[in-house]
């Protein structure tokens, strides 16, 4: 089943994001290589593709997991969680309608 994982950054997260990003991306790439990622990416803190010093305000990952508990355990071990980038994380079941 698909799950939407939404992480909301702590204030002034940019330096923590930069430090944790390589390990974070490696984990997402491993899921993608297994065919389990629908989409993933950050939320710019401002309205624009390059937020500059404003940085990011959070991230969205839509991926396939065996259960809600498995999705929660996966994100709980992510560097953006363990290194304090995310202040809050929400994991919810997700039903993809488009594209089919």
PDB file of N, CA and C in Angstrom:
ATOM      1  N   UNK A   1       0.848  -1.176   0.000  1.00  0.00           N
ATOM      2  CA  UNK A   1       0.000   0.000   0.000  1.00  0.00           C
ATOM      3  C   UNK A   1       0.890   1.233   0.000  1.00  0.00           C
ATOM      4  N   UNK A   2       0.335   2.323  -0.548  1.00  0.00           N
ATOM      5  CA  UNK A   2       1.067   3.586  -0.549  1.00  0.00           C
ATOM      6  C   UNK A   2       0.802   4.363   0.734  1.00  0.00           C
ATOM      7  N   UNK A   3       1.841   5.106   1.134  1.00  0.00           N
ATOM      8  CA  UNK A   3       1.750   5.975   2.306  1.00  0.00           C
ATOM      9  C   UNK A   3       2.380   7.316   1.965  1.00  0.00           C
ATOM     10  N   UNK A   4       1.731   8.394   2.426  1.00  0.00           N
ATOM     11  CA  UNK A   4       2.280   9.739   2.286  1.00  0.00           C
ATOM     12  C   UNK A   4       2.977  10.088   3.588  1.00  0.00           C
ATOM     13  N   UNK A   5       4.224  10.457   3.469  1.00  0.00           N
ATOM     14  CA  UNK A   5       5.029  10.859   4.618  1.00  0.00           C
ATOM     15  C   UNK A   5       5.325  12.342   4.453  1.00  0.00           C
ATOM     16  N   UNK A   6       4.869  13.144   5.407  1.00  0.00           N
ATOM     17  CA  UNK A   6       5.093  14.588   5.369  1.00  0.00           C
ATOM     18  C   UNK A   6       5.925  14.967   6.587  1.00  0.00           C
ATOM     19  N   UNK A   7       7.103  15.510   6.308  1.00  0.00           N
ATOM     20  CA  UNK A   7       7.967  16.009   7.377  1.00  0.00           C
ATOM     21  C   UNK A   7       7.945  17.519   7.372  1.00  0.00           C
ATOM     22  N   UNK A   8       7.811  18.108   8.544  1.00  0.00           N
ATOM     23  CA  UNK A   8       7.833  19.558   8.694  1.00  0.00           C
ATOM     24  C   UNK A   8       9.115  19.940   9.415  1.00  0.00           C
ATOM     25  N   UNK A   9       9.876  20.827   8.813  1.00  0.00           N
ATOM     26  CA  UNK A   9      11.185  21.192   9.345  1.00  0.00           C
ATOM     27  C   UNK A   9      11.107  22.011  10.631  1.00  0.00           C
ATOM     28  N   UNK A  10      12.155  21.890  11.422  1.00  0.00           N
ATOM     29  CA  UNK A  10      12.371  22.787  12.550  1.00  0.00           C
ATOM     30  C   UNK A  10      12.704  24.163  11.975  1.00  0.00           C
ATOM     31  N   UNK A  11      12.535  25.230  12.738  1.00  0.00           N
ATOM     32  CA  UNK A  11      12.960  26.545  12.244  1.00  0.00           C
ATOM     33  C   UNK A  11      14.457  26.543  11.935  1.00  0.00           C
ATOM     34  N   UNK A  12      14.837  27.263  10.901  1.00  0.00           N
ATOM     35  CA  UNK A  12      16.249  27.422  10.521  1.00  0.00           C
ATOM     36  C   UNK A  12      16.940  26.070  10.324  1.00  0.00           C
ATOM     37  N   UNK A  13      16.312  25.217   9.550  1.00  0.00           N
ATOM     38  CA  UNK A  13      16.783  23.836   9.364  1.00  0.00           C
ATOM     39  C   UNK A  13      17.885  23.679   8.326  1.00  0.00           C
ATOM     40  N   UNK A  14      18.199  24.720   7.580  1.00  0.00           N
ATOM     41  CA  UNK A  14      19.046  24.573   6.400  1.00  0.00           C
ATOM     42  C   UNK A  14      20.383  23.883   6.685  1.00  0.00           C
ATOM     43  N   UNK A  15      21.085  24.258   7.723  1.00  0.00           N
ATOM     44  CA  UNK A  15      22.393  23.635   7.979  1.00  0.00           C
ATOM     45  C   UNK A  15      22.236  22.162   8.353  1.00  0.00           C
ATOM     46  N   UNK A  16      21.198  21.834   9.098  1.00  0.00           N
ATOM     47  CA  UNK A  16      20.940  20.427   9.430  1.00  0.00           C
ATOM     48  C   UNK A  16      20.567  19.636   8.177  1.00  0.00           C
ATOM     49  N   UNK A  17      19.767  20.247   7.302  1.00  0.00           N
ATOM     50  CA  UNK A  17      19.376  19.599   6.041  1.00  0.00           C
ATOM     51  C   UNK A  17      20.603  19.282   5.197  1.00  0.00           C
ATOM     52  N   UNK A  18      21.465  20.272   5.041  1.00  0.00           N
ATOM     53  CA  UNK A  18      22.658  20.091   4.207  1.00  0.00           C
ATOM     54  C   UNK A  18      23.511  18.942   4.747  1.00  0.00           C
ATOM     55  N   UNK A  19      23.688  18.881   6.048  1.00  0.00           N
ATOM     56  CA  UNK A  19      24.514  17.834   6.652  1.00  0.00           C
ATOM     57  C   UNK A  19      23.900  16.446   6.495  1.00  0.00           C
ATOM     58  N   UNK A  20      22.593  16.340   6.632  1.00  0.00           N
ATOM     59  CA  UNK A  20      21.919  15.034   6.601  1.00  0.00           C
ATOM     60  C   UNK A  20      21.482  14.607   5.201  1.00  0.00           C
ATOM     61  N   UNK A  21      21.519  15.518   4.243  1.00  0.00           N
ATOM     62  CA  UNK A  21      20.957  15.253   2.915  1.00  0.00           C
ATOM     63  C   UNK A  21      21.549  14.042   2.194  1.00  0.00           C
ATOM     64  N   UNK A  22      22.868  13.856   2.133  1.00  0.00           N
ATOM     65  CA  UNK A  22      23.387  12.693   1.400  1.00  0.00           C
ATOM     66  C   UNK A  22      22.837  11.358   1.922  1.00  0.00           C
ATOM     67  N   UNK A  23      22.803  11.181   3.216  1.00  0.00           N
ATOM     68  CA  UNK A  23      22.288   9.926   3.790  1.00  0.00           C
ATOM     69  C   UNK A  23      20.780   9.815   3.583  1.00  0.00           C
ATOM     70  N   UNK A  24      20.075  10.923   3.700  1.00  0.00           N
ATOM     71  CA  UNK A  24      18.631  10.944   3.462  1.00  0.00           C
ATOM     72  C   UNK A  24      18.322  10.532   2.023  1.00  0.00           C
ATOM     73  N   UNK A  25      19.025  11.139   1.062  1.00  0.00           N
ATOM     74  CA  UNK A  25      18.793  10.815  -0.343  1.00  0.00           C
ATOM     75  C   UNK A  25      19.176   9.376  -0.668  1.00  0.00           C
ATOM     76  N   UNK A  26      20.203   8.854  -0.033  1.00  0.00           N
ATOM     77  CA  UNK A  26      20.603   7.459  -0.263  1.00  0.00           C
ATOM     78  C   UNK A  26      19.487   6.507   0.154  1.00  0.00           C
ATOM     79  N   UNK A  27      18.817   6.794   1.258  1.00  0.00           N
ATOM     80  CA  UNK A  27      17.706   5.945   1.714  1.00  0.00           C
ATOM     81  C   UNK A  27      16.531   6.014   0.740  1.00  0.00           C
ATOM     82  N   UNK A  28      16.224   7.209   0.265  1.00  0.00           N
ATOM     83  CA  UNK A  28      15.126   7.351  -0.695  1.00  0.00           C
ATOM     84  C   UNK A  28      15.499   6.676  -2.016  1.00  0.00           C
ATOM     85  N   UNK A  29      16.754   6.812  -2.441  1.00  0.00           N
ATOM     86  CA  UNK A  29      17.183   6.179  -3.686  1.00  0.00           C
ATOM     87  C   UNK A  29      17.079   4.663  -3.592  1.00  0.00           C
ATOM     88  N   UNK A  30      17.382   4.103  -2.431  1.00  0.00           N
ATOM     89  CA  UNK A  30      17.246   2.653  -2.245  1.00  0.00           C
ATOM     90  C   UNK A  30      15.790   2.230  -2.420  1.00  0.00           C
ATOM     91  N   UNK A  31      14.851   3.008  -1.886  1.00  0.00           N
ATOM     92  CA  UNK A  31      13.426   2.723  -2.093  1.00  0.00           C
ATOM     93  C   UNK A  31      13.054   2.861  -3.563  1.00  0.00           C
ATOM     94  N   UNK A  32      13.565   3.902  -4.201  1.00  0.00           N
ATOM     95  CA  UNK A  32      13.267   4.124  -5.619  1.00  0.00           C
ATOM     96  C   UNK A  32      13.819   2.981  -6.469  1.00  0.00           C
ATOM     97  N   UNK A  33      15.031   2.538  -6.162  1.00  0.00           N
ATOM     98  CA  UNK A  33      15.634   1.433  -6.902  1.00  0.00           C
ATOM     99  C   UNK A  33      14.815   0.149  -6.769  1.00  0.00           C
ATOM    100  N   UNK A  34      14.102   0.027  -5.656  1.00  0.00           N
ATOM    101  CA  UNK A  34      13.235  -1.137  -5.429  1.00  0.00           C
ATOM    102  C   UNK A  34      11.845  -0.928  -6.041  1.00  0.00           C
ATOM    103  N   UNK A  35      11.648   0.209  -6.724  1.00  0.00           N
ATOM    104  CA  UNK A  35      10.357   0.494  -7.358  1.00  0.00           C
ATOM    105  C   UNK A  35       9.271   0.886  -6.389  1.00  0.00           C
ATOM    106  N   UNK A  36       9.649   1.445  -5.229  1.00  0.00           N
ATOM    107  CA  UNK A  36       8.673   1.718  -4.178  1.00  0.00           C
ATOM    108  C   UNK A  36       8.403   3.200  -3.937  1.00  0.00           C
ATOM    109  N   UNK A  37       8.954   4.102  -4.772  1.00  0.00           N
ATOM    110  CA  UNK A  37       8.712   5.533  -4.592  1.00  0.00           C
ATOM    111  C   UNK A  37       7.864   6.057  -5.742  1.00  0.00           C
ATOM    112  N   UNK A  38       6.761   6.718  -5.401  1.00  0.00           N
ATOM    113  CA  UNK A  38       5.921   7.383  -6.395  1.00  0.00           C
ATOM    114  C   UNK A  38       6.481   8.772  -6.664  1.00  0.00           C
ATOM    115  N   UNK A  39       6.806   9.496  -5.599  1.00  0.00           N
ATOM    116  CA  UNK A  39       7.435  10.807  -5.706  1.00  0.00           C
ATOM    117  C   UNK A  39       8.036  11.181  -4.367  1.00  0.00           C
ATOM    118  N   UNK A  40       8.990  12.087  -4.429  1.00  0.00           N
ATOM    119  CA  UNK A  40       9.627  12.568  -3.200  1.00  0.00           C
ATOM    120  C   UNK A  40      10.276  13.907  -3.495  1.00  0.00           C
ATOM    121  N   UNK A  41      10.230  14.803  -2.523  1.00  0.00           N
ATOM    122  CA  UNK A  41      10.890  16.085  -2.685  1.00  0.00           C
ATOM    123  C   UNK A  41      10.565  17.039  -1.556  1.00  0.00           C
ATOM    124  N   UNK A  42      11.277  18.159  -1.525  1.00  0.00           N
ATOM    125  CA  UNK A  42      11.095  19.141  -0.453  1.00  0.00           C
ATOM    126  C   UNK A  42      10.052  20.199  -0.794  1.00  0.00           C
ATOM    127  N   UNK A  43       9.599  20.894   0.249  1.00  0.00           N
ATOM    128  CA  UNK A  43       8.726  22.053   0.110  1.00  0.00           C
ATOM    129  C   UNK A  43       9.599  23.306   0.253  1.00  0.00           C
ATOM    130  N   UNK A  44       9.770  24.107  -0.811  1.00  0.00           N
ATOM    131  CA  UNK A  44      10.504  25.361  -0.651  1.00  0.00           C
ATOM    132  C   UNK A  44       9.798  26.261   0.372  1.00  0.00           C
ATOM    133  N   UNK A  45      10.589  26.978   1.153  1.00  0.00           N
ATOM    134  CA  UNK A  45      10.026  27.851   2.184  1.00  0.00           C
ATOM    135  C   UNK A  45       9.351  29.085   1.594  1.00  0.00           C
ATOM    136  N   UNK A  46       9.680  29.395   0.336  1.00  0.00           N
ATOM    137  CA  UNK A  46       9.042  30.515  -0.351  1.00  0.00           C
ATOM    138  C   UNK A  46       8.512  30.021  -1.696  1.00  0.00           C
ATOM    139  N   UNK A  47       7.683  30.811  -2.323  1.00  0.00           N
ATOM    140  CA  UNK A  47       7.075  30.435  -3.591  1.00  0.00           C
ATOM    141  C   UNK A  47       8.075  30.634  -4.727  1.00  0.00           C
ATOM    142  N   UNK A  48       8.805  29.569  -5.041  1.00  0.00           N
ATOM    143  CA  UNK A  48       9.769  29.629  -6.125  1.00  0.00           C
ATOM    144  C   UNK A  48      10.613  28.376  -6.134  1.00  0.00           C
ATOM    145  N   UNK A  49      11.173  28.031  -7.297  1.00  0.00           N
ATOM    146  CA  UNK A  49      11.939  26.788  -7.409  1.00  0.00           C
ATOM    147  C   UNK A  49      13.266  26.825  -6.658  1.00  0.00           C
ATOM    148  N   UNK A  50      13.847  28.008  -6.478  1.00  0.00           N
ATOM    149  CA  UNK A  50      15.102  28.136  -5.733  1.00  0.00           C
ATOM    150  C   UNK A  50      14.867  29.073  -4.551  1.00  0.00           C
ATOM    151  N   UNK A  51      14.659  28.513  -3.360  1.00  0.00           N
ATOM    152  CA  UNK A  51      14.335  29.366  -2.219  1.00  0.00           C
ATOM    153  C   UNK A  51      15.522  30.128  -1.652  1.00  0.00           C
ATOM    154  N   UNK A  52      16.723  29.857  -2.172  1.00  0.00           N
ATOM    155  CA  UNK A  52      17.904  30.554  -1.673  1.00  0.00           C
ATOM    156  C   UNK A  52      18.060  30.374  -0.176  1.00  0.00           C
ATOM    157  N   UNK A  53      18.423  31.431   0.533  1.00  0.00           N
ATOM    158  CA  UNK A  53      18.669  31.306   1.970  1.00  0.00           C
ATOM    159  C   UNK A  53      17.418  30.965   2.792  1.00  0.00           C
ATOM    160  N   UNK A  54      16.219  31.124   2.204  1.00  0.00           N
ATOM    161  CA  UNK A  54      14.996  30.755   2.931  1.00  0.00           C
ATOM    162  C   UNK A  54      14.945  29.249   3.161  1.00  0.00           C
ATOM    163  N   UNK A  55      15.587  28.480   2.270  1.00  0.00           N
ATOM    164  CA  UNK A  55      15.661  27.032   2.444  1.00  0.00           C
ATOM    165  C   UNK A  55      14.345  26.326   2.212  1.00  0.00           C
ATOM    166  N   UNK A  56      14.213  25.209   2.870  1.00  0.00           N
ATOM    167  CA  UNK A  56      13.037  24.367   2.728  1.00  0.00           C
ATOM    168  C   UNK A  56      12.251  24.356   4.031  1.00  0.00           C
ATOM    169  N   UNK A  57      10.963  24.017   3.917  1.00  0.00           N
ATOM    170  CA  UNK A  57      10.122  23.996   5.115  1.00  0.00           C
ATOM    171  C   UNK A  57       9.653  22.589   5.474  1.00  0.00           C
ATOM    172  N   UNK A  58       9.987  21.604   4.635  1.00  0.00           N
ATOM    173  CA  UNK A  58       9.575  20.234   4.902  1.00  0.00           C
ATOM    174  C   UNK A  58       9.755  19.384   3.665  1.00  0.00           C
ATOM    175  N   UNK A  59       9.236  18.176   3.716  1.00  0.00           N
ATOM    176  CA  UNK A  59       9.370  17.234   2.598  1.00  0.00           C
ATOM    177  C   UNK A  59       8.148  16.335   2.504  1.00  0.00           C
ATOM    178  N   UNK A  60       7.952  15.797   1.288  1.00  0.00           N
ATOM    179  CA  UNK A  60       6.890  14.832   1.026  1.00  0.00           C
ATOM    180  C   UNK A  60       7.506  13.607   0.362  1.00  0.00           C
ATOM    181  N   UNK A  61       7.162  12.441   0.848  1.00  0.00           N
ATOM    182  CA  UNK A  61       7.543  11.180   0.234  1.00  0.00           C
ATOM    183  C   UNK A  61       6.271  10.360   0.107  1.00  0.00           C
ATOM    184  N   UNK A  62       5.978   9.880  -1.095  1.00  0.00           N
ATOM    185  CA  UNK A  62       4.891   8.936  -1.283  1.00  0.00           C
ATOM    186  C   UNK A  62       5.547   7.639  -1.723  1.00  0.00           C
ATOM    187  N   UNK A  63       5.417   6.633  -0.879  1.00  0.00           N
ATOM    188  CA  UNK A  63       6.084   5.371  -1.159  1.00  0.00           C
ATOM    189  C   UNK A  63       5.258   4.169  -0.753  1.00  0.00           C
ATOM    190  N   UNK A  64       5.698   3.019  -1.234  1.00  0.00           N
ATOM    191  CA  UNK A  64       5.011   1.760  -0.950  1.00  0.00           C
ATOM    192  C   UNK A  64       5.679   1.064   0.234  1.00  0.00           C
ATOM    193  N   UNK A  65       4.856   0.688   1.203  1.00  0.00           N
ATOM    194  CA  UNK A  65       5.312  -0.024   2.393  1.00  0.00           C
ATOM    195  C   UNK A  65       4.320  -1.133   2.713  1.00  0.00           C
ATOM    196  N   UNK A  66       4.755  -2.099   3.489  1.00  0.00           N
ATOM    197  CA  UNK A  66       3.894  -3.234   3.850  1.00  0.00           C
ATOM    198  C   UNK A  66       2.747  -2.829   4.757  1.00  0.00           C
ATOM    199  N   UNK A  67       2.981  -1.773   5.557  1.00  0.00           N
ATOM    200  CA  UNK A  67       1.974  -1.358   6.530  1.00  0.00           C
ATOM    201  C   UNK A  67       2.269   0.063   6.996  1.00  0.00           C
ATOM    202  N   UNK A  68       1.323   0.642   7.697  1.00  0.00           N
ATOM    203  CA  UNK A  68       1.530   1.949   8.314  1.00  0.00           C
ATOM    204  C   UNK A  68       2.699   1.901   9.283  1.00  0.00           C
ATOM    205  N   UNK A  69       2.775   0.815  10.033  1.00  0.00           N
ATOM    206  CA  UNK A  69       3.861   0.661  11.002  1.00  0.00           C
ATOM    207  C   UNK A  69       5.217   0.592  10.306  1.00  0.00           C
ATOM    208  N   UNK A  70       5.273  -0.093   9.166  1.00  0.00           N
ATOM    209  CA  UNK A  70       6.530  -0.188   8.413  1.00  0.00           C
ATOM    210  C   UNK A  70       6.942   1.171   7.860  1.00  0.00           C
ATOM    211  N   UNK A  71       5.976   1.944   7.365  1.00  0.00           N
ATOM    212  CA  UNK A  71       6.272   3.285   6.856  1.00  0.00           C
ATOM    213  C   UNK A  71       6.758   4.184   7.988  1.00  0.00           C
ATOM    214  N   UNK A  72       6.124   4.091   9.138  1.00  0.00           N
ATOM    215  CA  UNK A  72       6.529   4.896  10.291  1.00  0.00           C
ATOM    216  C   UNK A  72       7.930   4.505  10.757  1.00  0.00           C
ATOM    217  N   UNK A  73       8.206   3.213  10.814  1.00  0.00           N
ATOM    218  CA  UNK A  73       9.536   2.756  11.230  1.00  0.00           C
ATOM    219  C   UNK A  73      10.599   3.219  10.242  1.00  0.00           C
ATOM    220  N   UNK A  74      10.271   3.200   8.948  1.00  0.00           N
ATOM    221  CA  UNK A  74      11.242   3.632   7.939  1.00  0.00           C
ATOM    222  C   UNK A  74      11.593   5.101   8.136  1.00  0.00           C
ATOM    223  N   UNK A  75      10.580   5.962   8.289  1.00  0.00           N
ATOM    224  CA  UNK A  75      10.870   7.387   8.436  1.00  0.00           C
ATOM    225  C   UNK A  75      11.497   7.677   9.796  1.00  0.00           C
ATOM    226  N   UNK A  76      11.147   6.932  10.819  1.00  0.00           N
ATOM    227  CA  UNK A  76      11.757   7.148  12.138  1.00  0.00           C
ATOM    228  C   UNK A  76      13.265   6.947  12.112  1.00  0.00           C
ATOM    229  N   UNK A  77      13.755   6.121  11.181  1.00  0.00           N
ATOM    230  CA  UNK A  77      15.189   5.851  11.068  1.00  0.00           C
ATOM    231  C   UNK A  77      15.885   6.775  10.060  1.00  0.00           C
ATOM    232  N   UNK A  78      15.131   7.661   9.425  1.00  0.00           N
ATOM    233  CA  UNK A  78      15.708   8.537   8.413  1.00  0.00           C
ATOM    234  C   UNK A  78      16.569   9.627   9.055  1.00  0.00           C
ATOM    235  N   UNK A  79      17.679   9.992   8.410  1.00  0.00           N
ATOM    236  CA  UNK A  79      18.542  11.038   8.960  1.00  0.00           C
ATOM    237  C   UNK A  79      17.852  12.385   9.187  1.00  0.00           C
ATOM    238  N   UNK A  80      16.825  12.706   8.391  1.00  0.00           N
ATOM    239  CA  UNK A  80      16.130  13.964   8.646  1.00  0.00           C
ATOM    240  C   UNK A  80      15.372  13.923   9.971  1.00  0.00           C
ATOM    241  N   UNK A  81      15.046  12.749  10.442  1.00  0.00           N
ATOM    242  CA  UNK A  81      14.433  12.595  11.762  1.00  0.00           C
ATOM    243  C   UNK A  81      15.521  12.496  12.827  1.00  0.00           C
ATOM    244  N   UNK A  82      16.458  11.584  12.622  1.00  0.00           N
ATOM    245  CA  UNK A  82      17.477  11.327  13.660  1.00  0.00           C
ATOM    246  C   UNK A  82      18.415  12.509  13.875  1.00  0.00           C
ATOM    247  N   UNK A  83      18.597  13.343  12.837  1.00  0.00           N
ATOM    248  CA  UNK A  83      19.498  14.497  12.950  1.00  0.00           C
ATOM    249  C   UNK A  83      18.758  15.801  13.240  1.00  0.00           C
ATOM    250  N   UNK A  84      17.452  15.721  13.496  1.00  0.00           N
ATOM    251  CA  UNK A  84      16.693  16.882  13.943  1.00  0.00           C
ATOM    252  C   UNK A  84      16.278  17.873  12.874  1.00  0.00           C
ATOM    253  N   UNK A  85      16.214  17.454  11.615  1.00  0.00           N
ATOM    254  CA  UNK A  85      15.716  18.344  10.553  1.00  0.00           C
ATOM    255  C   UNK A  85      14.205  18.512  10.686  1.00  0.00           C
ATOM    256  N   UNK A  86      13.514  17.399  10.906  1.00  0.00           N
ATOM    257  CA  UNK A  86      12.058  17.438  11.014  1.00  0.00           C
ATOM    258  C   UNK A  86      11.627  17.667  12.458  1.00  0.00           C
ATOM    259  N   UNK A  87      10.732  18.618  12.641  1.00  0.00           N
ATOM    260  CA  UNK A  87      10.120  18.855  13.945  1.00  0.00           C
ATOM    261  C   UNK A  87       8.950  17.915  14.164  1.00  0.00           C
ATOM    262  N   UNK A  88       8.288  17.564  13.030  1.00  0.00           N
ATOM    263  CA  UNK A  88       7.080  16.748  13.104  1.00  0.00           C
ATOM    264  C   UNK A  88       6.985  15.933  11.830  1.00  0.00           C
ATOM    265  N   UNK A  89       6.505  14.700  11.954  1.00  0.00           N
ATOM    266  CA  UNK A  89       6.315  13.831  10.797  1.00  0.00           C
ATOM    267  C   UNK A  89       4.923  13.211  10.886  1.00  0.00           C
ATOM    268  N   UNK A  90       4.219  13.226   9.762  1.00  0.00           N
ATOM    269  CA  UNK A  90       2.913  12.587   9.658  1.00  0.00           C
ATOM    270  C   UNK A  90       2.996  11.500   8.594  1.00  0.00           C
ATOM    271  N   UNK A  91       2.471  10.318   8.909  1.00  0.00           N
ATOM    272  CA  UNK A  91       2.426   9.205   7.958  1.00  0.00           C
ATOM    273  C   UNK A  91       0.964   8.801   7.829  1.00  0.00           C
ATOM    274  N   UNK A  92       0.481   8.802   6.571  1.00  0.00           N
ATOM    275  CA  UNK A  92      -0.926   8.478   6.327  1.00  0.00           C
ATOM    276  C   UNK A  92      -1.045   7.565   5.120  1.00  0.00           C
ATOM    277  N   UNK A  93      -2.018   6.651   5.144  1.00  0.00           N
ATOM    278  CA  UNK A  93      -2.293   5.862   3.948  1.00  0.00           C
ATOM    279  C   UNK A  93      -2.648   6.805   2.802  1.00  0.00           C
ATOM    280  N   UNK A  94      -2.262   6.409   1.584  1.00  0.00           N
ATOM    281  CA  UNK A  94      -2.479   7.256   0.416  1.00  0.00           C
ATOM    282  C   UNK A  94      -3.023   6.408  -0.719  1.00  0.00           C
ATOM    283  N   UNK A  95      -4.050   6.900  -1.387  1.00  0.00           N
ATOM    284  CA  UNK A  95      -4.621   6.199  -2.537  1.00  0.00           C
ATOM    285  C   UNK A  95      -4.340   7.023  -3.785  1.00  0.00           C
ATOM    286  N   UNK A  96      -3.501   6.492  -4.664  1.00  0.00           N
ATOM    287  CA  UNK A  96      -3.192   7.193  -5.912  1.00  0.00           C
ATOM    288  C   UNK A  96      -4.337   7.003  -6.899  1.00  0.00           C
ATOM    289  N   UNK A  97      -4.821   8.125  -7.456  1.00  0.00           N
ATOM    290  CA  UNK A  97      -5.899   8.095  -8.438  1.00  0.00           C
ATOM    291  C   UNK A  97      -5.358   8.477  -9.819  1.00  0.00           C
ATOM    292  N   UNK A  98      -4.481   9.498  -9.868  1.00  0.00           N
ATOM    293  CA  UNK A  98      -3.908   9.967 -11.117  1.00  0.00           C
ATOM    294  C   UNK A  98      -2.414  10.144 -10.907  1.00  0.00           C
ATOM    295  N   UNK A  99      -1.548   9.744 -11.817  1.00  0.00           N
ATOM    296  CA  UNK A  99      -1.871   8.957 -13.003  1.00  0.00           C
ATOM    297  C   UNK A  99      -2.201   7.516 -12.636  1.00  0.00           C
ATOM    298  N   UNK A 100      -2.925   6.885 -13.535  1.00  0.00           N
ATOM    299  CA  UNK A 100      -3.363   5.513 -13.315  1.00  0.00           C
ATOM    300  C   UNK A 100      -2.241   4.550 -13.650  1.00  0.00           C
TER     301      UNK A 100
END
